Amino acid sequence: MVGLLAVRLLDCNSPSDTMHSSAKNRGSFLFKISTKELLVTHFRFVPLILMAFGLLTFSTSSHAADGVKLTRNADTVAVSVNGQDFSTYHFAKTLPKPFFSPVKAADGTQLTRPIVGEDYKGDHPHHKGIWVSVDEVNDIKFWAEKGKIENRGVDLISAEGNPAKFKVENHWLGEDGNAVLVETTIISIFANRMLAYDISFRMTSGDVHFKDTKEGLFGVRIAESMREDKGAGIVTNADGKKATKECWGQRSAWVDYTGPVDGKTVGIAVFDHPQNFRPSRYHVRNYGLFSVSPFGEAAYTNGQEKPVSDVFKKDSVVRLRYGIYFHSGDAAASNVAHVYQQFLKAE
């Protein structure tokens, strides 16, 4: 009926057309109306007409369903994308530092290595999911978990949306238990499984000295089967370099690490932001460590550049922005370069 209505309305151009009131024509009275009535009736039924011909979509479409949801618990934030588990942010005070783990693809495939502990044995137990830390901060090795990074607050800014956002406050503690610096990070999580980190370090107890080190700063430990040294991992960067041998220690807008998990090709890309105070270098290793840091000029160039020796004054703030994108397929198929542009626009 609605489809016929649309056709007949287009034919109702004659001023002499009037509504039929006979019982015979009562079922089709909408088909013949005056020009004046046509204007009212036509616009009233436009949505129905468009629906009949499939020209109008509503918020129940698949695009509108794209969204991220954050659920705050006692010491975790659970993250779901389109109703599917994506990851969990752990921030219990008993932990050496906060981190995301595990991180999953849309089909449930785990893209990060399990946490090393009683249930899983492996190298470098301080490589936990996705994390923020660095060594040689006032000579404290936070990356190696010789210093504690303690969460003091989690605030859900946007519990649902695309992106969903939350803010964390983490205190990097000195030997005396006081904060050497306070990290405030806003984490934006997008429905395409891209996370944008906006990190601010405020120096609290005095001047803070960051020395040159390769052990930092924004890191992820990839699934074991993706490792380059397993013979299947493929590493590329935005400048066309390939393999960890070419990409390690280099500056680049992004680096991508792709490999197989459960018979599927998946990947993880890490993004540097051009407005960071210094271009960062990538600590991307064949055994699955993947990180980026601005504090390793000498370490990442085998001494060809002068060592970092950054002293930030008390109460000063250093801002750093990084992104990470979990995807299916390789860097080209998942359009990593395009998602990098999305990262640059994230606020």
Protein backbone atom coordinates (compact mmCIF):
# COMPACT_ATOMS: atom_id res chain seq x y z
CA MET A 1 0.00 0.00 0.00
CA VAL A 2 2.72 2.48 0.95
CA GLY A 3 4.62 1.83 -2.24
CA LEU A 4 1.45 2.41 -4.30
CA LEU A 5 0.80 5.55 -2.30
CA ALA A 6 4.13 6.96 -3.37
CA VAL A 7 3.38 6.33 -7.04
CA ARG A 8 -0.11 7.78 -6.91
CA LEU A 9 0.98 10.86 -4.98
CA LEU A 10 3.33 11.75 -7.79
CA ASP A 11 0.35 11.58 -10.18
CA CYS A 12 -1.96 13.78 -8.08
CA ASN A 13 -1.26 17.03 -9.90
CA SER A 14 -4.76 18.05 -10.96
CA PRO A 15 -6.58 20.74 -8.89
CA SER A 16 -9.82 18.99 -9.71
CA ASP A 17 -8.83 15.84 -7.84
CA THR A 18 -10.96 15.50 -4.72
CA MET A 19 -11.17 12.96 -1.99
CA HIS A 20 -13.64 10.15 -2.61
CA SER A 21 -15.94 9.38 0.25
CA SER A 22 -17.94 6.49 -1.20
CA ALA A 23 -17.63 3.11 0.44
CA LYS A 24 -16.21 1.79 -2.81
CA ASN A 25 -13.33 4.25 -2.83
CA ARG A 26 -12.91 4.76 0.93
CA GLY A 27 -9.94 2.36 1.03
CA SER A 28 -8.03 4.47 -1.47
CA PHE A 29 -9.00 7.99 -0.44
CA LEU A 30 -5.39 9.01 0.03
CA PHE A 31 -4.62 8.43 -3.60
CA LYS A 32 -6.61 11.41 -4.89
CA ILE A 33 -6.23 14.72 -3.10
CA SER A 34 -6.20 18.36 -4.03
CA THR A 35 -2.97 20.22 -4.66
CA LYS A 36 -3.27 21.98 -1.30
CA GLU A 37 -3.87 18.71 0.49
CA LEU A 38 -1.06 17.12 -1.49
CA LEU A 39 1.48 19.49 0.07
CA VAL A 40 0.40 18.54 3.59
CA THR A 41 -0.11 14.85 2.98
CA HIS A 42 2.99 14.45 0.83
CA PHE A 43 5.36 15.77 3.49
CA ARG A 44 3.57 13.87 6.23
CA PHE A 45 4.22 10.60 4.46
CA VAL A 46 7.72 11.29 3.09
CA PRO A 47 9.40 9.11 5.76
CA LEU A 48 7.02 6.24 5.01
CA ILE A 49 7.55 6.65 1.28
CA LEU A 50 11.31 6.59 1.62
CA MET A 51 11.13 3.58 3.89
CA ALA A 52 9.06 1.74 1.30
CA PHE A 53 11.77 2.22 -1.30
CA GLY A 54 14.66 1.59 1.08
CA LEU A 55 15.91 5.17 0.79
CA LEU A 56 15.82 6.01 4.49
CA THR A 57 17.83 4.35 7.24
CA PHE A 58 17.50 4.82 10.97
CA SER A 59 19.78 4.66 13.97
CA THR A 60 19.37 0.91 14.10
CA SER A 61 21.77 0.64 11.14
CA SER A 62 25.12 -1.09 11.61
CA HIS A 63 26.96 2.22 11.58
CA ALA A 64 24.94 3.58 14.48
CA ALA A 65 25.62 0.39 16.39
CA ASP A 66 29.35 1.12 16.33
CA GLY A 67 30.27 2.20 19.81
CA VAL A 68 32.47 1.64 22.84
CA LYS A 69 31.26 1.03 26.39
CA LEU A 70 33.29 1.39 29.59
CA THR A 71 32.26 -0.42 32.77
CA ARG A 72 33.97 0.67 35.98
CA ASN A 73 34.56 -1.97 38.65
CA ALA A 74 36.52 -1.87 41.91
CA ASP A 75 39.96 -1.97 40.31
CA THR A 76 39.31 -2.47 36.59
CA VAL A 77 37.65 -0.77 33.65
CA ALA A 78 36.12 -3.28 31.22
CA VAL A 79 35.96 -2.15 27.59
CA SER A 80 33.54 -3.54 25.03
CA VAL A 81 33.21 -2.62 21.36
CA ASN A 82 29.83 -3.18 19.71
CA GLY A 83 28.88 -5.40 22.65
CA GLN A 84 31.99 -7.58 22.37
CA ASP A 85 34.81 -7.77 24.93
CA PHE A 86 37.80 -5.73 23.80
CA SER A 87 40.08 -5.26 26.80
CA THR A 88 40.34 -4.52 30.52
CA TYR A 89 42.33 -1.77 32.21
CA HIS A 90 43.81 -3.00 35.51
CA PHE A 91 44.70 -0.42 38.16
CA ALA A 92 44.75 -2.19 41.55
CA LYS A 93 47.20 -0.62 44.01
CA THR A 94 48.82 -4.04 44.48
CA LEU A 95 50.08 -3.96 40.88
CA PRO A 96 53.51 -2.59 39.98
CA LYS A 97 51.83 -0.42 37.33
CA PRO A 98 48.44 -0.12 35.56
CA PHE A 99 47.96 -1.82 32.19
CA PHE A 100 45.45 -3.12 29.63
CA SER A 101 45.22 -6.91 29.27
CA PRO A 102 44.14 -8.90 27.38
CA VAL A 103 43.37 -7.11 24.11
CA LYS A 104 41.05 -8.94 21.72
CA ALA A 105 39.95 -8.72 18.11
CA ALA A 106 36.26 -8.61 17.19
CA ASP A 107 36.12 -12.41 16.95
CA GLY A 108 37.72 -12.86 20.38
CA THR A 109 41.24 -13.60 19.12
CA GLN A 110 43.76 -12.47 21.76
CA LEU A 111 46.28 -10.05 20.26
CA THR A 112 48.52 -9.51 23.30
CA ARG A 113 50.69 -11.98 25.15
CA PRO A 114 49.23 -13.44 28.36
CA ILE A 115 50.55 -11.92 31.58
CA VAL A 116 53.64 -13.76 32.77
CA GLY A 117 52.91 -15.37 36.14
CA GLU A 118 51.67 -18.58 37.70
CA ASP A 119 49.49 -19.39 34.68
CA TYR A 120 52.03 -18.44 31.99
CA LYS A 121 55.81 -18.54 31.94
CA GLY A 122 57.78 -16.28 29.64
CA ASP A 123 60.53 -13.69 29.29
CA HIS A 124 60.35 -10.13 30.55
CA PRO A 125 57.46 -10.43 33.03
CA HIS A 126 57.23 -6.63 33.18
CA HIS A 127 55.84 -6.63 29.61
CA LYS A 128 52.15 -6.49 30.51
CA GLY A 129 49.59 -5.93 27.72
CA ILE A 130 49.64 -2.17 27.00
CA TRP A 131 51.41 0.06 29.51
CA VAL A 132 53.21 3.37 30.15
CA SER A 133 56.56 3.43 31.96
CA VAL A 134 60.24 4.23 31.39
CA ASP A 135 63.56 3.59 33.13
CA GLU A 136 66.09 6.15 34.37
CA VAL A 137 63.68 8.66 35.90
CA ASN A 138 65.78 10.11 38.70
CA ASP A 139 67.69 6.83 38.29
CA ILE A 140 64.54 4.79 39.05
CA LYS A 141 63.82 1.91 36.67
CA PHE A 142 60.04 2.11 36.37
CA TRP A 143 60.06 0.08 33.12
CA ALA A 144 61.71 -2.84 34.90
CA GLU A 145 59.21 -2.43 37.76
CA LYS A 146 61.95 -1.50 40.23
CA GLY A 147 59.86 1.57 40.96
CA LYS A 148 56.11 1.54 41.56
CA ILE A 149 53.52 3.38 39.49
CA GLU A 150 50.43 3.57 41.68
CA ASN A 151 46.99 4.54 40.44
CA ARG A 152 45.26 7.23 42.49
CA GLY A 153 42.17 7.85 40.39
CA VAL A 154 40.04 6.77 37.44
CA ASP A 155 37.36 9.03 35.99
CA LEU A 156 35.02 7.94 33.20
CA ILE A 157 34.70 11.01 30.98
CA SER A 158 32.44 9.37 28.38
CA ALA A 159 31.34 5.89 29.43
CA GLU A 160 29.74 5.23 26.04
CA GLY A 161 30.41 6.59 22.57
CA ASN A 162 32.81 6.58 19.70
CA PRO A 163 35.17 7.31 21.24
CA ALA A 164 34.57 6.44 24.88
CA LYS A 165 37.05 8.17 27.19
CA PHE A 166 38.46 7.87 30.67
CA LYS A 167 41.15 9.67 32.65
CA VAL A 168 43.66 8.08 34.98
CA GLU A 169 45.97 9.60 37.57
CA ASN A 170 49.06 7.52 38.28
CA HIS A 171 51.75 8.44 40.82
CA TRP A 172 55.32 7.42 39.95
CA LEU A 173 56.73 6.85 43.43
CA GLY A 174 60.25 7.43 44.66
CA GLU A 175 62.01 5.35 47.30
CA ASP A 176 60.47 7.53 50.01
CA GLY A 177 56.94 6.71 48.81
CA ASN A 178 56.30 10.22 47.49
CA ALA A 179 55.49 10.96 43.87
CA VAL A 180 58.46 11.89 41.71
CA LEU A 181 55.93 12.82 39.06
CA VAL A 182 52.19 12.53 38.54
CA GLU A 183 50.97 11.07 35.28
CA THR A 184 47.54 12.17 34.07
CA THR A 185 46.47 10.30 30.96
CA ILE A 186 43.27 10.56 28.93
CA ILE A 187 42.61 7.37 26.99
CA SER A 188 40.19 7.58 24.05
CA ILE A 189 38.98 4.27 22.65
CA PHE A 190 37.40 4.13 19.21
CA ALA A 191 35.06 1.53 17.71
CA ASN A 192 37.68 0.54 15.14
CA ARG A 193 39.90 -0.59 18.05
CA MET A 194 42.22 2.39 17.98
CA LEU A 195 43.33 3.86 21.31
CA ALA A 196 44.69 7.39 21.65
CA TYR A 197 46.79 8.20 24.73
CA ASP A 198 47.18 11.83 25.82
CA ILE A 199 49.81 11.68 28.57
CA SER A 200 50.87 14.53 30.86
CA PHE A 201 53.75 14.24 33.33
CA ARG A 202 53.77 16.87 36.10
CA MET A 203 56.97 17.08 38.11
CA THR A 204 55.91 17.17 41.76
CA SER A 205 58.74 16.59 44.21
CA GLY A 206 61.36 18.71 42.50
CA ASP A 207 63.32 18.73 39.25
CA VAL A 208 63.07 15.38 37.44
CA HIS A 209 65.92 13.96 35.40
CA PHE A 210 65.18 11.64 32.46
CA LYS A 211 68.33 9.88 31.25
CA ASP A 212 68.94 8.10 27.98
CA THR A 213 67.46 4.58 27.81
CA LYS A 214 65.87 2.22 25.32
CA GLU A 215 63.51 0.89 28.01
CA GLY A 216 60.36 2.92 27.47
CA LEU A 217 57.84 4.44 27.18
CA PHE A 218 54.52 3.44 25.60
CA GLY A 219 54.60 -0.30 25.06
CA VAL A 220 52.69 -3.41 24.03
CA ARG A 221 53.69 -7.08 24.06
CA ILE A 222 52.22 -8.82 21.03
CA ALA A 223 50.85 -12.37 20.84
CA GLU A 224 53.61 -14.97 20.72
CA SER A 225 52.61 -16.38 17.32
CA MET A 226 53.05 -12.92 15.74
CA ARG A 227 56.74 -12.68 16.62
CA GLU A 228 59.12 -11.99 13.77
CA ASP A 229 61.59 -14.55 15.10
CA LYS A 230 58.87 -17.20 14.74
CA GLY A 231 59.17 -16.71 11.00
CA ALA A 232 55.76 -15.14 10.40
CA GLY A 233 55.84 -11.60 11.83
CA ILE A 234 56.08 -8.71 9.36
CA VAL A 235 57.22 -5.27 10.53
CA THR A 236 56.85 -2.15 8.36
CA ASN A 237 56.87 1.59 8.99
CA ALA A 238 55.40 4.71 7.39
CA ASP A 239 58.61 5.32 5.46
CA GLY A 240 58.67 1.96 3.70
CA LYS A 241 61.28 0.28 5.90
CA LYS A 242 60.74 -3.40 6.61
CA ALA A 243 61.65 -5.85 9.39
CA THR A 244 62.78 -5.05 12.92
CA LYS A 245 66.36 -4.72 11.68
CA GLU A 246 65.39 -1.68 9.60
CA CYS A 247 62.63 -0.26 11.83
CA TRP A 248 64.25 -0.58 15.28
CA GLY A 249 65.46 2.73 16.67
CA GLN A 250 64.04 4.69 13.75
CA ARG A 251 61.79 7.72 13.84
CA SER A 252 58.57 7.30 11.87
CA ALA A 253 54.95 8.40 12.00
CA TRP A 254 53.93 4.79 12.61
CA VAL A 255 55.18 1.23 12.75
CA ASP A 256 53.03 -1.84 12.13
CA TYR A 257 53.62 -5.40 13.39
CA THR A 258 51.53 -8.04 11.58
CA GLY A 259 51.42 -11.79 12.05
CA PRO A 260 49.21 -14.87 12.44
CA VAL A 261 47.06 -15.72 15.45
CA ASP A 262 44.89 -18.85 15.34
CA GLY A 263 45.29 -19.03 11.56
CA LYS A 264 44.20 -15.41 10.99
CA THR A 265 46.37 -12.47 9.93
CA VAL A 266 46.14 -9.63 12.47
CA GLY A 267 48.23 -6.62 13.30
CA ILE A 268 49.10 -3.88 15.76
CA ALA A 269 50.22 -0.39 14.72
CA VAL A 270 51.79 2.15 17.07
CA PHE A 271 51.56 5.87 16.28
CA ASP A 272 53.81 8.79 17.24
CA HIS A 273 52.39 12.33 17.33
CA PRO A 274 54.23 15.10 15.45
CA GLN A 275 53.61 17.58 18.27
CA ASN A 276 55.50 15.59 20.89
CA PHE A 277 58.43 17.65 22.20
CA ARG A 278 60.87 15.31 20.42
CA PRO A 279 60.25 12.75 17.65
CA SER A 280 60.11 9.32 19.26
CA ARG A 281 62.00 6.19 18.27
CA TYR A 282 60.62 2.67 18.12
CA HIS A 283 61.84 -0.20 20.27
CA VAL A 284 60.35 -2.93 18.06
CA ARG A 285 61.92 -6.34 18.62
CA ASN A 286 61.75 -9.66 16.82
CA TYR A 287 60.66 -11.42 20.04
CA GLY A 288 57.46 -9.36 20.33
CA LEU A 289 58.21 -6.24 22.36
CA PHE A 290 56.86 -3.14 20.65
CA SER A 291 57.26 0.32 22.17
CA VAL A 292 57.99 3.95 21.39
CA SER A 293 59.84 6.61 23.39
CA PRO A 294 61.42 10.07 23.09
CA PHE A 295 64.08 9.29 25.72
CA GLY A 296 66.57 7.06 23.88
CA GLU A 297 68.51 9.05 21.32
CA ALA A 298 71.85 7.38 22.02
CA ALA A 299 70.46 3.99 23.01
CA TYR A 300 68.41 3.66 19.81
CA THR A 301 71.21 4.83 17.49
CA ASN A 302 74.04 2.81 19.05
CA GLY A 303 75.70 6.00 20.25
CA GLN A 304 75.50 7.93 16.99
CA GLU A 305 73.31 10.60 18.62
CA LYS A 306 74.03 12.43 21.88
CA PRO A 307 72.46 10.83 24.96
CA VAL A 308 69.23 12.23 26.32
CA SER A 309 69.66 14.15 29.56
CA ASP A 310 66.37 15.97 30.04
CA VAL A 311 65.81 17.85 33.29
CA PHE A 312 62.27 19.10 33.79
CA LYS A 313 61.75 21.72 36.49
CA LYS A 314 59.45 21.23 39.46
CA ASP A 315 55.78 21.80 38.58
CA SER A 316 56.51 21.74 34.84
CA VAL A 317 54.37 19.54 32.60
CA VAL A 318 55.48 17.38 29.69
CA ARG A 319 52.81 16.22 27.26
CA LEU A 320 53.17 13.13 25.07
CA ARG A 321 50.63 11.60 22.69
CA TYR A 322 50.68 8.10 21.25
CA GLY A 323 48.20 5.79 19.56
CA ILE A 324 47.77 2.08 19.06
CA TYR A 325 45.55 0.35 16.51
CA PHE A 326 44.52 -3.32 16.58
CA HIS A 327 43.44 -4.59 13.19
CA SER A 328 42.76 -7.58 10.95
CA GLY A 329 44.84 -8.12 7.83
CA ASP A 330 48.17 -6.46 7.11
CA ALA A 331 49.03 -2.76 7.22
CA ALA A 332 47.82 -2.10 3.68
CA ALA A 333 44.56 -4.06 3.98
CA SER A 334 43.68 -2.37 7.27
CA ASN A 335 44.59 1.07 5.93
CA VAL A 336 46.94 1.92 8.80
CA ALA A 337 47.97 5.18 7.10
CA HIS A 338 44.34 6.36 7.10
CA VAL A 339 43.79 5.42 10.74
CA TYR A 340 46.94 7.36 11.62
CA GLN A 341 45.21 10.46 10.25
CA GLN A 342 42.23 9.67 12.50
CA PHE A 343 44.65 9.53 15.44
CA LEU A 344 46.01 12.97 14.58
CA LYS A 345 42.47 14.39 14.75
CA ALA A 346 41.64 12.77 18.09
CA GLU A 347 41.05 15.19 20.96
